[in-house]
Amino acid sequence: MNHDDLQEELKQRINLAKERKETDSINKKLNGAGFPYINEDKLKKGFNIDSINEIDQGSFNKMIKELIFLNDKVKPKLLLFGKPERGKELLSVLIGRAACKKDTKPILFNMSIY
């Protein structure tokens, strides 16, 4: 190997180490926040907005009455609600990962209203 090849390989290894460190940091924050594990293939596919349907008013009212956590001082808050199997969990993980990249510590609060 010549000098340029060695320099390029070193650069690649440094970049890979940085990416691993960032991924480890994000995963540590997500685990601390209580986010579920979702495999990388599903994360790469992203969220399908077409999977969202309207929620009925009765379920919405029940949820609002039971959401005690809205009274705490943690801000900002994001609330995802809807019927099962619509992609809320995946969306929450995608948002959580983005928050972790911005050095925010998200917390997942999960409840069932159905």
PDB file of N, CA and C in Angstrom:
ATOM      1  N   MET A   1       0.835  -1.195   0.000  1.00  0.00           N
ATOM      2  CA  MET A   1       0.000   0.000   0.000  1.00  0.00           C
ATOM      3  C   MET A   1       0.873   1.250   0.000  1.00  0.00           C
ATOM      4  N   ASN A   2       0.459   2.203  -0.779  1.00  0.00           N
ATOM      5  CA  ASN A   2       1.204   3.459  -0.781  1.00  0.00           C
ATOM      6  C   ASN A   2       0.620   4.411   0.266  1.00  0.00           C
ATOM      7  N   HIS A   3       1.230   5.547   0.385  1.00  0.00           N
ATOM      8  CA  HIS A   3       0.836   6.529   1.400  1.00  0.00           C
ATOM      9  C   HIS A   3      -0.619   6.985   1.232  1.00  0.00           C
ATOM     10  N   ASP A   4      -1.033   7.260   0.004  1.00  0.00           N
ATOM     11  CA  ASP A   4      -2.410   7.719  -0.245  1.00  0.00           C
ATOM     12  C   ASP A   4      -3.441   6.653   0.128  1.00  0.00           C
ATOM     13  N   ASP A   5      -3.125   5.394  -0.184  1.00  0.00           N
ATOM     14  CA  ASP A   5      -4.037   4.299   0.170  1.00  0.00           C
ATOM     15  C   ASP A   5      -4.171   4.162   1.681  1.00  0.00           C
ATOM     16  N   LEU A   6      -3.057   4.254   2.383  1.00  0.00           N
ATOM     17  CA  LEU A   6      -3.079   4.175   3.847  1.00  0.00           C
ATOM     18  C   LEU A   6      -3.876   5.329   4.448  1.00  0.00           C
ATOM     19  N   GLN A   7      -3.674   6.502   3.884  1.00  0.00           N
ATOM     20  CA  GLN A   7      -4.389   7.679   4.379  1.00  0.00           C
ATOM     21  C   GLN A   7      -5.900   7.526   4.158  1.00  0.00           C
ATOM     22  N   GLU A   8      -6.294   7.012   3.005  1.00  0.00           N
ATOM     23  CA  GLU A   8      -7.712   6.806   2.707  1.00  0.00           C
ATOM     24  C   GLU A   8      -8.320   5.742   3.628  1.00  0.00           C
ATOM     25  N   GLU A   9      -7.582   4.656   3.856  1.00  0.00           N
ATOM     26  CA  GLU A   9      -8.085   3.609   4.752  1.00  0.00           C
ATOM     27  C   GLU A   9      -8.236   4.138   6.173  1.00  0.00           C
ATOM     28  N   LEU A  10      -7.284   4.923   6.622  1.00  0.00           N
ATOM     29  CA  LEU A  10      -7.358   5.517   7.955  1.00  0.00           C
ATOM     30  C   LEU A  10      -8.574   6.438   8.066  1.00  0.00           C
ATOM     31  N   LYS A  11      -8.815   7.228   7.042  1.00  0.00           N
ATOM     32  CA  LYS A  11      -9.966   8.128   7.017  1.00  0.00           C
ATOM     33  C   LYS A  11     -11.279   7.341   7.110  1.00  0.00           C
ATOM     34  N   GLN A  12     -11.364   6.235   6.366  1.00  0.00           N
ATOM     35  CA  GLN A  12     -12.566   5.401   6.389  1.00  0.00           C
ATOM     36  C   GLN A  12     -12.787   4.788   7.764  1.00  0.00           C
ATOM     37  N   ARG A  13     -11.700   4.315   8.382  1.00  0.00           N
ATOM     38  CA  ARG A  13     -11.820   3.709   9.719  1.00  0.00           C
ATOM     39  C   ARG A  13     -12.245   4.739  10.764  1.00  0.00           C
ATOM     40  N   ILE A  14     -11.729   5.935  10.659  1.00  0.00           N
ATOM     41  CA  ILE A  14     -12.115   7.007  11.589  1.00  0.00           C
ATOM     42  C   ILE A  14     -13.592   7.340  11.417  1.00  0.00           C
ATOM     43  N   ASN A  15     -14.048   7.464  10.179  1.00  0.00           N
ATOM     44  CA  ASN A  15     -15.465   7.753   9.918  1.00  0.00           C
ATOM     45  C   ASN A  15     -16.366   6.634  10.429  1.00  0.00           C
ATOM     46  N   LEU A  16     -15.952   5.380  10.233  1.00  0.00           N
ATOM     47  CA  LEU A  16     -16.729   4.245  10.721  1.00  0.00           C
ATOM     48  C   LEU A  16     -16.807   4.261  12.246  1.00  0.00           C
ATOM     49  N   ALA A  17     -15.698   4.575  12.902  1.00  0.00           N
ATOM     50  CA  ALA A  17     -15.681   4.654  14.368  1.00  0.00           C
ATOM     51  C   ALA A  17     -16.608   5.764  14.862  1.00  0.00           C
ATOM     52  N   LYS A  18     -16.619   6.903  14.172  1.00  0.00           N
ATOM     53  CA  LYS A  18     -17.515   8.008  14.541  1.00  0.00           C
ATOM     54  C   LYS A  18     -18.976   7.595  14.391  1.00  0.00           C
ATOM     55  N   GLU A  19     -19.297   6.917  13.290  1.00  0.00           N
ATOM     56  CA  GLU A  19     -20.672   6.461  13.055  1.00  0.00           C
ATOM     57  C   GLU A  19     -21.108   5.472  14.129  1.00  0.00           C
ATOM     58  N   ARG A  20     -20.222   4.542  14.492  1.00  0.00           N
ATOM     59  CA  ARG A  20     -20.547   3.563  15.537  1.00  0.00           C
ATOM     60  C   ARG A  20     -20.772   4.255  16.875  1.00  0.00           C
ATOM     61  N   LYS A  21     -19.930   5.232  17.178  1.00  0.00           N
ATOM     62  CA  LYS A  21     -20.070   5.955  18.443  1.00  0.00           C
ATOM     63  C   LYS A  21     -21.411   6.687  18.485  1.00  0.00           C
ATOM     64  N   GLU A  22     -21.777   7.336  17.384  1.00  0.00           N
ATOM     65  CA  GLU A  22     -23.055   8.052  17.320  1.00  0.00           C
ATOM     66  C   GLU A  22     -24.224   7.078  17.439  1.00  0.00           C
ATOM     67  N   THR A  23     -24.143   5.945  16.740  1.00  0.00           N
ATOM     68  CA  THR A  23     -25.201   4.937  16.811  1.00  0.00           C
ATOM     69  C   THR A  23     -25.325   4.385  18.222  1.00  0.00           C
ATOM     70  N   ASP A  24     -24.199   4.093  18.862  1.00  0.00           N
ATOM     71  CA  ASP A  24     -24.223   3.592  20.244  1.00  0.00           C
ATOM     72  C   ASP A  24     -24.849   4.611  21.185  1.00  0.00           C
ATOM     73  N   SER A  25     -24.511   5.883  20.996  1.00  0.00           N
ATOM     74  CA  SER A  25     -25.059   6.947  21.837  1.00  0.00           C
ATOM     75  C   SER A  25     -26.573   7.053  21.657  1.00  0.00           C
ATOM     76  N   ILE A  26     -27.022   7.014  20.413  1.00  0.00           N
ATOM     77  CA  ILE A  26     -28.458   7.086  20.125  1.00  0.00           C
ATOM     78  C   ILE A  26     -29.179   5.886  20.725  1.00  0.00           C
ATOM     79  N   ASN A  27     -28.621   4.687  20.538  1.00  0.00           N
ATOM     80  CA  ASN A  27     -29.255   3.479  21.075  1.00  0.00           C
ATOM     81  C   ASN A  27     -29.322   3.516  22.596  1.00  0.00           C
ATOM     82  N   LYS A  28     -28.296   4.040  23.234  1.00  0.00           N
ATOM     83  CA  LYS A  28     -28.289   4.153  24.698  1.00  0.00           C
ATOM     84  C   LYS A  28     -29.414   5.086  25.163  1.00  0.00           C
ATOM     85  N   LYS A  29     -29.573   6.218  24.479  1.00  0.00           N
ATOM     86  CA  LYS A  29     -30.641   7.159  24.835  1.00  0.00           C
ATOM     87  C   LYS A  29     -32.020   6.546  24.586  1.00  0.00           C
ATOM     88  N   LEU A  30     -32.181   5.841  23.459  1.00  0.00           N
ATOM     89  CA  LEU A  30     -33.465   5.207  23.152  1.00  0.00           C
ATOM     90  C   LEU A  30     -33.805   4.126  24.172  1.00  0.00           C
ATOM     91  N   ASN A  31     -32.811   3.332  24.557  1.00  0.00           N
ATOM     92  CA  ASN A  31     -33.047   2.299  25.571  1.00  0.00           C
ATOM     93  C   ASN A  31     -33.432   2.932  26.899  1.00  0.00           C
ATOM     94  N   GLY A  32     -32.774   4.021  27.259  1.00  0.00           N
ATOM     95  CA  GLY A  32     -33.093   4.725  28.496  1.00  0.00           C
ATOM     96  C   GLY A  32     -34.476   5.347  28.471  1.00  0.00           C
ATOM     97  N   ALA A  33     -34.942   5.685  27.277  1.00  0.00           N
ATOM     98  CA  ALA A  33     -36.261   6.307  27.133  1.00  0.00           C
ATOM     99  C   ALA A  33     -37.385   5.275  27.106  1.00  0.00           C
ATOM    100  N   GLY A  34     -37.034   4.012  26.949  1.00  0.00           N
ATOM    101  CA  GLY A  34     -38.055   2.966  26.922  1.00  0.00           C
ATOM    102  C   GLY A  34     -38.597   2.656  25.541  1.00  0.00           C
ATOM    103  N   PHE A  35     -37.915   3.088  24.492  1.00  0.00           N
ATOM    104  CA  PHE A  35     -38.367   2.788  23.142  1.00  0.00           C
ATOM    105  C   PHE A  35     -38.125   1.321  22.828  1.00  0.00           C
ATOM    106  N   PRO A  36     -39.027   0.690  22.095  1.00  0.00           N
ATOM    107  CA  PRO A  36     -38.841  -0.717  21.731  1.00  0.00           C
ATOM    108  C   PRO A  36     -37.773  -0.855  20.652  1.00  0.00           C
ATOM    109  N   TYR A  37     -37.221  -2.053  20.539  1.00  0.00           N
ATOM    110  CA  TYR A  37     -36.266  -2.323  19.471  1.00  0.00           C
ATOM    111  C   TYR A  37     -37.035  -2.507  18.171  1.00  0.00           C
ATOM    112  N   ILE A  38     -36.596  -1.842  17.138  1.00  0.00           N
ATOM    113  CA  ILE A  38     -37.151  -2.033  15.798  1.00  0.00           C
ATOM    114  C   ILE A  38     -35.968  -2.240  14.872  1.00  0.00           C
ATOM    115  N   ASN A  39     -35.998  -3.325  14.088  1.00  0.00           N
ATOM    116  CA  ASN A  39     -34.828  -3.633  13.262  1.00  0.00           C
ATOM    117  C   ASN A  39     -34.585  -2.549  12.214  1.00  0.00           C
ATOM    118  N   GLU A  40     -33.344  -2.493  11.779  1.00  0.00           N
ATOM    119  CA  GLU A  40     -32.910  -1.428  10.864  1.00  0.00           C
ATOM    120  C   GLU A  40     -33.668  -1.437   9.540  1.00  0.00           C
ATOM    121  N   ASP A  41     -34.021  -2.629   9.033  1.00  0.00           N
ATOM    122  CA  ASP A  41     -34.751  -2.693   7.759  1.00  0.00           C
ATOM    123  C   ASP A  41     -36.089  -1.968   7.853  1.00  0.00           C
ATOM    124  N   LYS A  42     -36.790  -2.176   8.962  1.00  0.00           N
ATOM    125  CA  LYS A  42     -38.079  -1.511   9.153  1.00  0.00           C
ATOM    126  C   LYS A  42     -37.878  -0.005   9.321  1.00  0.00           C
ATOM    127  N   LEU A  43     -36.811   0.372  10.024  1.00  0.00           N
ATOM    128  CA  LEU A  43     -36.529   1.798  10.199  1.00  0.00           C
ATOM    129  C   LEU A  43     -36.205   2.466   8.866  1.00  0.00           C
ATOM    130  N   LYS A  44     -35.468   1.770   8.012  1.00  0.00           N
ATOM    131  CA  LYS A  44     -35.080   2.346   6.721  1.00  0.00           C
ATOM    132  C   LYS A  44     -36.282   2.542   5.804  1.00  0.00           C
ATOM    133  N   LYS A  45     -37.292   1.665   5.950  1.00  0.00           N
ATOM    134  CA  LYS A  45     -38.496   1.813   5.130  1.00  0.00           C
ATOM    135  C   LYS A  45     -39.257   3.072   5.503  1.00  0.00           C
ATOM    136  N   GLY A  46     -39.134   3.466   6.772  1.00  0.00           N
ATOM    137  CA  GLY A  46     -39.789   4.689   7.213  1.00  0.00           C
ATOM    138  C   GLY A  46     -41.252   4.473   7.551  1.00  0.00           C
ATOM    139  N   PHE A  47     -41.935   5.556   7.688  1.00  0.00           N
ATOM    140  CA  PHE A  47     -43.332   5.553   8.122  1.00  0.00           C
ATOM    141  C   PHE A  47     -44.233   5.834   6.938  1.00  0.00           C
ATOM    142  N   ASN A  48     -45.299   5.061   6.807  1.00  0.00           N
ATOM    143  CA  ASN A  48     -46.261   5.239   5.728  1.00  0.00           C
ATOM    144  C   ASN A  48     -47.440   6.064   6.239  1.00  0.00           C
ATOM    145  N   ILE A  49     -47.510   7.295   5.831  1.00  0.00           N
ATOM    146  CA  ILE A  49     -48.554   8.207   6.303  1.00  0.00           C
ATOM    147  C   ILE A  49     -49.947   7.705   5.915  1.00  0.00           C
ATOM    148  N   ASP A  50     -50.037   6.877   4.866  1.00  0.00           N
ATOM    149  CA  ASP A  50     -51.332   6.354   4.429  1.00  0.00           C
ATOM    150  C   ASP A  50     -51.950   5.389   5.438  1.00  0.00           C
ATOM    151  N   SER A  51     -51.139   4.908   6.399  1.00  0.00           N
ATOM    152  CA  SER A  51     -51.666   3.946   7.375  1.00  0.00           C
ATOM    153  C   SER A  51     -52.464   4.621   8.486  1.00  0.00           C
ATOM    154  N   ILE A  52     -52.494   5.947   8.504  1.00  0.00           N
ATOM    155  CA  ILE A  52     -53.217   6.667   9.551  1.00  0.00           C
ATOM    156  C   ILE A  52     -54.691   6.773   9.176  1.00  0.00           C
ATOM    157  N   ASN A  53     -55.532   6.389  10.101  1.00  0.00           N
ATOM    158  CA  ASN A  53     -56.984   6.536   9.937  1.00  0.00           C
ATOM    159  C   ASN A  53     -57.499   7.462  11.017  1.00  0.00           C
ATOM    160  N   GLU A  54     -58.715   7.914  10.859  1.00  0.00           N
ATOM    161  CA  GLU A  54     -59.309   8.775  11.886  1.00  0.00           C
ATOM    162  C   GLU A  54     -59.597   7.964  13.144  1.00  0.00           C
ATOM    163  N   ILE A  55     -59.528   8.627  14.296  1.00  0.00           N
ATOM    164  CA  ILE A  55     -59.863   7.995  15.569  1.00  0.00           C
ATOM    165  C   ILE A  55     -61.238   8.499  15.993  1.00  0.00           C
ATOM    166  N   ASP A  56     -62.005   7.625  16.644  1.00  0.00           N
ATOM    167  CA  ASP A  56     -63.339   8.064  17.043  1.00  0.00           C
ATOM    168  C   ASP A  56     -63.259   8.984  18.262  1.00  0.00           C
ATOM    169  N   GLN A  57     -64.229   9.863  18.398  1.00  0.00           N
ATOM    170  CA  GLN A  57     -64.229  10.894  19.443  1.00  0.00           C
ATOM    171  C   GLN A  57     -64.254  10.289  20.840  1.00  0.00           C
ATOM    172  N   GLY A  58     -64.984   9.195  21.047  1.00  0.00           N
ATOM    173  CA  GLY A  58     -65.053   8.561  22.365  1.00  0.00           C
ATOM    174  C   GLY A  58     -63.694   8.077  22.836  1.00  0.00           C
ATOM    175  N   SER A  59     -62.940   7.448  21.949  1.00  0.00           N
ATOM    176  CA  SER A  59     -61.598   6.978  22.299  1.00  0.00           C
ATOM    177  C   SER A  59     -60.685   8.156  22.603  1.00  0.00           C
ATOM    178  N   PHE A  60     -60.817   9.217  21.825  1.00  0.00           N
ATOM    179  CA  PHE A  60     -59.994  10.403  22.051  1.00  0.00           C
ATOM    180  C   PHE A  60     -60.284  11.004  23.425  1.00  0.00           C
ATOM    181  N   ASN A  61     -61.559  11.149  23.773  1.00  0.00           N
ATOM    182  CA  ASN A  61     -61.931  11.721  25.076  1.00  0.00           C
ATOM    183  C   ASN A  61     -61.425  10.861  26.226  1.00  0.00           C
ATOM    184  N   LYS A  62     -61.535   9.531  26.089  1.00  0.00           N
ATOM    185  CA  LYS A  62     -61.042   8.618  27.128  1.00  0.00           C
ATOM    186  C   LYS A  62     -59.541   8.797  27.319  1.00  0.00           C
ATOM    187  N   MET A  63     -58.825   8.910  26.210  1.00  0.00           N
ATOM    188  CA  MET A  63     -57.379   9.062  26.276  1.00  0.00           C
ATOM    189  C   MET A  63     -57.004  10.364  26.985  1.00  0.00           C
ATOM    190  N   ILE A  64     -57.641  11.448  26.643  1.00  0.00           N
ATOM    191  CA  ILE A  64     -57.325  12.745  27.247  1.00  0.00           C
ATOM    192  C   ILE A  64     -57.562  12.715  28.751  1.00  0.00           C
ATOM    193  N   LYS A  65     -58.653  12.075  29.187  1.00  0.00           N
ATOM    194  CA  LYS A  65     -58.945  11.985  30.623  1.00  0.00           C
ATOM    195  C   LYS A  65     -57.886  11.188  31.369  1.00  0.00           C
ATOM    196  N   GLU A  66     -57.289  10.188  30.710  1.00  0.00           N
ATOM    197  CA  GLU A  66     -56.342   9.294  31.374  1.00  0.00           C
ATOM    198  C   GLU A  66     -54.893   9.758  31.262  1.00  0.00           C
ATOM    199  N   LEU A  67     -54.636  10.803  30.535  1.00  0.00           N
ATOM    200  CA  LEU A  67     -53.252  11.222  30.308  1.00  0.00           C
ATOM    201  C   LEU A  67     -52.753  12.153  31.409  1.00  0.00           C
ATOM    202  N   ILE A  68     -52.454  11.586  32.520  1.00  0.00           N
ATOM    203  CA  ILE A  68     -51.953  12.350  33.661  1.00  0.00           C
ATOM    204  C   ILE A  68     -50.602  12.982  33.338  1.00  0.00           C
ATOM    205  N   PHE A  69     -49.801  12.290  32.510  1.00  0.00           N
ATOM    206  CA  PHE A  69     -48.452  12.780  32.231  1.00  0.00           C
ATOM    207  C   PHE A  69     -48.444  14.153  31.568  1.00  0.00           C
ATOM    208  N   LEU A  70     -49.570  14.595  31.030  1.00  0.00           N
ATOM    209  CA  LEU A  70     -49.611  15.917  30.406  1.00  0.00           C
ATOM    210  C   LEU A  70     -49.434  17.040  31.426  1.00  0.00           C
ATOM    211  N   ASN A  71     -49.638  16.739  32.706  1.00  0.00           N
ATOM    212  CA  ASN A  71     -49.510  17.759  33.744  1.00  0.00           C
ATOM    213  C   ASN A  71     -48.077  17.980  34.205  1.00  0.00           C
ATOM    214  N   ASP A  72     -47.152  17.101  33.807  1.00  0.00           N
ATOM    215  CA  ASP A  72     -45.782  17.275  34.289  1.00  0.00           C
ATOM    216  C   ASP A  72     -45.093  18.435  33.569  1.00  0.00           C
ATOM    217  N   LYS A  73     -43.874  18.720  33.987  1.00  0.00           N
ATOM    218  CA  LYS A  73     -43.173  19.901  33.473  1.00  0.00           C
ATOM    219  C   LYS A  73     -42.223  19.588  32.323  1.00  0.00           C
ATOM    220  N   VAL A  74     -42.246  18.357  31.824  1.00  0.00           N
ATOM    221  CA  VAL A  74     -41.364  17.978  30.725  1.00  0.00           C
ATOM    222  C   VAL A  74     -41.925  18.541  29.424  1.00  0.00           C
ATOM    223  N   LYS A  75     -41.094  19.290  28.709  1.00  0.00           N
ATOM    224  CA  LYS A  75     -41.528  19.880  27.442  1.00  0.00           C
ATOM    225  C   LYS A  75     -40.410  19.750  26.430  1.00  0.00           C
ATOM    226  N   PRO A  76     -40.667  19.696  25.181  1.00  0.00           N
ATOM    227  CA  PRO A  76     -41.971  19.643  24.528  1.00  0.00           C
ATOM    228  C   PRO A  76     -42.552  18.234  24.590  1.00  0.00           C
ATOM    229  N   LYS A  77     -43.814  18.126  24.294  1.00  0.00           N
ATOM    230  CA  LYS A  77     -44.515  16.843  24.306  1.00  0.00           C
ATOM    231  C   LYS A  77     -45.054  16.552  22.908  1.00  0.00           C
ATOM    232  N   LEU A  78     -45.062  15.286  22.577  1.00  0.00           N
ATOM    233  CA  LEU A  78     -45.647  14.847  21.317  1.00  0.00           C
ATOM    234  C   LEU A  78     -46.553  13.670  21.630  1.00  0.00           C
ATOM    235  N   LEU A  79     -47.774  13.729  21.176  1.00  0.00           N
ATOM    236  CA  LEU A  79     -48.760  12.696  21.453  1.00  0.00           C
ATOM    237  C   LEU A  79     -49.142  12.016  20.147  1.00  0.00           C
ATOM    238  N   LEU A  80     -48.958  10.701  20.090  1.00  0.00           N
ATOM    239  CA  LEU A  80     -49.368   9.907  18.935  1.00  0.00           C
ATOM    240  C   LEU A  80     -50.485   8.982  19.397  1.00  0.00           C
ATOM    241  N   PHE A  81     -51.594   9.000  18.711  1.00  0.00           N
ATOM    242  CA  PHE A  81     -52.683   8.106  19.095  1.00  0.00           C
ATOM    243  C   PHE A  81     -53.366   7.586  17.844  1.00  0.00           C
ATOM    244  N   GLY A  82     -53.997   6.446  18.000  1.00  0.00           N
ATOM    245  CA  GLY A  82     -54.702   5.851  16.877  1.00  0.00           C
ATOM    246  C   GLY A  82     -54.924   4.374  17.103  1.00  0.00           C
ATOM    247  N   LYS A  83     -55.547   3.743  16.158  1.00  0.00           N
ATOM    248  CA  LYS A  83     -55.862   2.329  16.257  1.00  0.00           C
ATOM    249  C   LYS A  83     -54.583   1.496  16.186  1.00  0.00           C
ATOM    250  N   PRO A  84     -54.647   0.248  16.691  1.00  0.00           N
ATOM    251  CA  PRO A  84     -53.479  -0.630  16.652  1.00  0.00           C
ATOM    252  C   PRO A  84     -53.000  -0.889  15.226  1.00  0.00           C
ATOM    253  N   GLU A  85     -51.714  -1.174  15.127  1.00  0.00           N
ATOM    254  CA  GLU A  85     -51.084  -1.565  13.857  1.00  0.00           C
ATOM    255  C   GLU A  85     -51.156  -0.482  12.784  1.00  0.00           C
ATOM    256  N   ARG A  86     -51.012   0.765  13.183  1.00  0.00           N
ATOM    257  CA  ARG A  86     -51.030   1.865  12.219  1.00  0.00           C
ATOM    258  C   ARG A  86     -49.662   2.515  12.054  1.00  0.00           C
ATOM    259  N   GLY A  87     -48.672   2.081  12.843  1.00  0.00           N
ATOM    260  CA  GLY A  87     -47.317   2.593  12.679  1.00  0.00           C
ATOM    261  C   GLY A  87     -46.890   3.622  13.705  1.00  0.00           C
ATOM    262  N   LYS A  88     -47.666   3.781  14.771  1.00  0.00           N
ATOM    263  CA  LYS A  88     -47.318   4.782  15.797  1.00  0.00           C
ATOM    264  C   LYS A  88     -45.989   4.458  16.467  1.00  0.00           C
ATOM    265  N   GLU A  89     -45.794   3.174  16.771  1.00  0.00           N
ATOM    266  CA  GLU A  89     -44.564   2.776  17.449  1.00  0.00           C
ATOM    267  C   GLU A  89     -43.346   3.065  16.577  1.00  0.00           C
ATOM    268  N   LEU A  90     -43.428   2.706  15.303  1.00  0.00           N
ATOM    269  CA  LEU A  90     -42.332   2.986  14.380  1.00  0.00           C
ATOM    270  C   LEU A  90     -42.098   4.488  14.279  1.00  0.00           C
ATOM    271  N   LEU A  91     -43.164   5.254  14.140  1.00  0.00           N
ATOM    272  CA  LEU A  91     -43.032   6.707  14.046  1.00  0.00           C
ATOM    273  C   LEU A  91     -42.402   7.274  15.312  1.00  0.00           C
ATOM    274  N   SER A  92     -42.797   6.751  16.480  1.00  0.00           N
ATOM    275  CA  SER A  92     -42.220   7.253  17.734  1.00  0.00           C
ATOM    276  C   SER A  92     -40.729   6.960  17.804  1.00  0.00           C
ATOM    277  N   VAL A  93     -40.316   5.792  17.314  1.00  0.00           N
ATOM    278  CA  VAL A  93     -38.889   5.459  17.317  1.00  0.00           C
ATOM    279  C   VAL A  93     -38.132   6.360  16.342  1.00  0.00           C
ATOM    280  N   LEU A  94     -38.701   6.598  15.171  1.00  0.00           N
ATOM    281  CA  LEU A  94     -38.046   7.493  14.204  1.00  0.00           C
ATOM    282  C   LEU A  94     -37.896   8.903  14.779  1.00  0.00           C
ATOM    283  N   ILE A  95     -38.939   9.400  15.429  1.00  0.00           N
ATOM    284  CA  ILE A  95     -38.876  10.727  16.051  1.00  0.00           C
ATOM    285  C   ILE A  95     -37.890  10.707  17.213  1.00  0.00           C
ATOM    286  N   GLY A  96     -37.918   9.632  18.001  1.00  0.00           N
ATOM    287  CA  GLY A  96     -36.989   9.496  19.120  1.00  0.00           C
ATOM    288  C   GLY A  96     -35.542   9.483  18.670  1.00  0.00           C
ATOM    289  N   ARG A  97     -35.260   8.777  17.583  1.00  0.00           N
ATOM    290  CA  ARG A  97     -33.887   8.747  17.050  1.00  0.00           C
ATOM    291  C   ARG A  97     -33.459  10.145  16.599  1.00  0.00           C
ATOM    292  N   ALA A  98     -34.375  10.855  15.940  1.00  0.00           N
ATOM    293  CA  ALA A  98     -34.058  12.222  15.506  1.00  0.00           C
ATOM    294  C   ALA A  98     -33.800  13.116  16.714  1.00  0.00           C
ATOM    295  N   ALA A  99     -34.595  12.945  17.775  1.00  0.00           N
ATOM    296  CA  ALA A  99     -34.403  13.740  18.997  1.00  0.00           C
ATOM    297  C   ALA A  99     -33.057  13.424  19.635  1.00  0.00           C
ATOM    298  N   CYS A 100     -32.692  12.140  19.654  1.00  0.00           N
ATOM    299  CA  CYS A 100     -31.403  11.750  20.233  1.00  0.00           C
ATOM    300  C   CYS A 100     -30.239  12.346  19.449  1.00  0.00           C
ATOM    301  N   LYS A 101     -30.385  12.435  18.145  1.00  0.00           N
ATOM    302  CA  LYS A 101     -29.333  13.043  17.323  1.00  0.00           C
ATOM    303  C   LYS A 101     -29.188  14.527  17.632  1.00  0.00           C
ATOM    304  N   LYS A 102     -30.268  15.139  18.105  1.00  0.00           N
ATOM    305  CA  LYS A 102     -30.233  16.558  18.483  1.00  0.00           C
ATOM    306  C   LYS A 102     -29.870  16.726  19.954  1.00  0.00           C
ATOM    307  N   ASP A 103     -29.411  15.631  20.582  1.00  0.00           N
ATOM    308  CA  ASP A 103     -28.986  15.623  21.984  1.00  0.00           C
ATOM    309  C   ASP A 103     -30.132  15.912  22.947  1.00  0.00           C
ATOM    310  N   THR A 104     -31.317  15.423  22.601  1.00  0.00           N
ATOM    311  CA  THR A 104     -32.482  15.494  23.476  1.00  0.00           C
ATOM    312  C   THR A 104     -32.701  14.107  24.058  1.00  0.00           C
ATOM    313  N   LYS A 105     -33.202  14.030  25.271  1.00  0.00           N
ATOM    314  CA  LYS A 105     -33.462  12.732  25.885  1.00  0.00           C
ATOM    315  C   LYS A 105     -34.969  12.472  25.889  1.00  0.00           C
ATOM    316  N   PRO A 106     -35.470  11.759  24.877  1.00  0.00           N
ATOM    317  CA  PRO A 106     -36.909  11.490  24.826  1.00  0.00           C
ATOM    318  C   PRO A 106     -37.311  10.427  25.838  1.00  0.00           C
ATOM    319  N   ILE A 107     -38.572  10.432  26.217  1.00  0.00           N
ATOM    320  CA  ILE A 107     -39.141   9.417  27.098  1.00  0.00           C
ATOM    321  C   ILE A 107     -40.418   8.913  26.441  1.00  0.00           C
ATOM    322  N   LEU A 108     -40.531   7.602  26.333  1.00  0.00           N
ATOM    323  CA  LEU A 108     -41.719   7.004  25.730  1.00  0.00           C
ATOM    324  C   LEU A 108     -42.714   6.644  26.820  1.00  0.00           C
ATOM    325  N   PHE A 109     -43.933   7.097  26.664  1.00  0.00           N
ATOM    326  CA  PHE A 109     -45.031   6.739  27.557  1.00  0.00           C
ATOM    327  C   PHE A 109     -46.061   6.044  26.691  1.00  0.00           C
ATOM    328  N   ASN A 110     -46.409   4.823  27.041  1.00  0.00           N
ATOM    329  CA  ASN A 110     -47.287   4.033  26.196  1.00  0.00           C
ATOM    330  C   ASN A 110     -48.524   3.612  26.974  1.00  0.00           C
ATOM    331  N   MET A 111     -49.681   3.775  26.380  1.00  0.00           N
ATOM    332  CA  MET A 111     -50.911   3.303  27.018  1.00  0.00           C
ATOM    333  C   MET A 111     -51.888   2.851  25.952  1.00  0.00           C
ATOM    334  N   SER A 112     -52.755   1.946  26.318  1.00  0.00           N
ATOM    335  CA  SER A 112     -53.751   1.434  25.389  1.00  0.00           C
ATOM    336  C   SER A 112     -55.112   2.031  25.736  1.00  0.00           C
ATOM    337  N   ILE A 113     -55.827   2.473  24.706  1.00  0.00           N
ATOM    338  CA  ILE A 113     -57.164   3.025  24.957  1.00  0.00           C
ATOM    339  C   ILE A 113     -58.237   2.176  24.295  1.00  0.00           C
ATOM    340  N   TYR A 114     -57.847   1.113  23.638  1.00  0.00           N
ATOM    341  CA  TYR A 114     -58.826   0.264  22.941  1.00  0.00           C
ATOM    342  C   TYR A 114     -59.057  -1.007  23.705  1.00  0.00           C
TER     343      TYR A 114
END
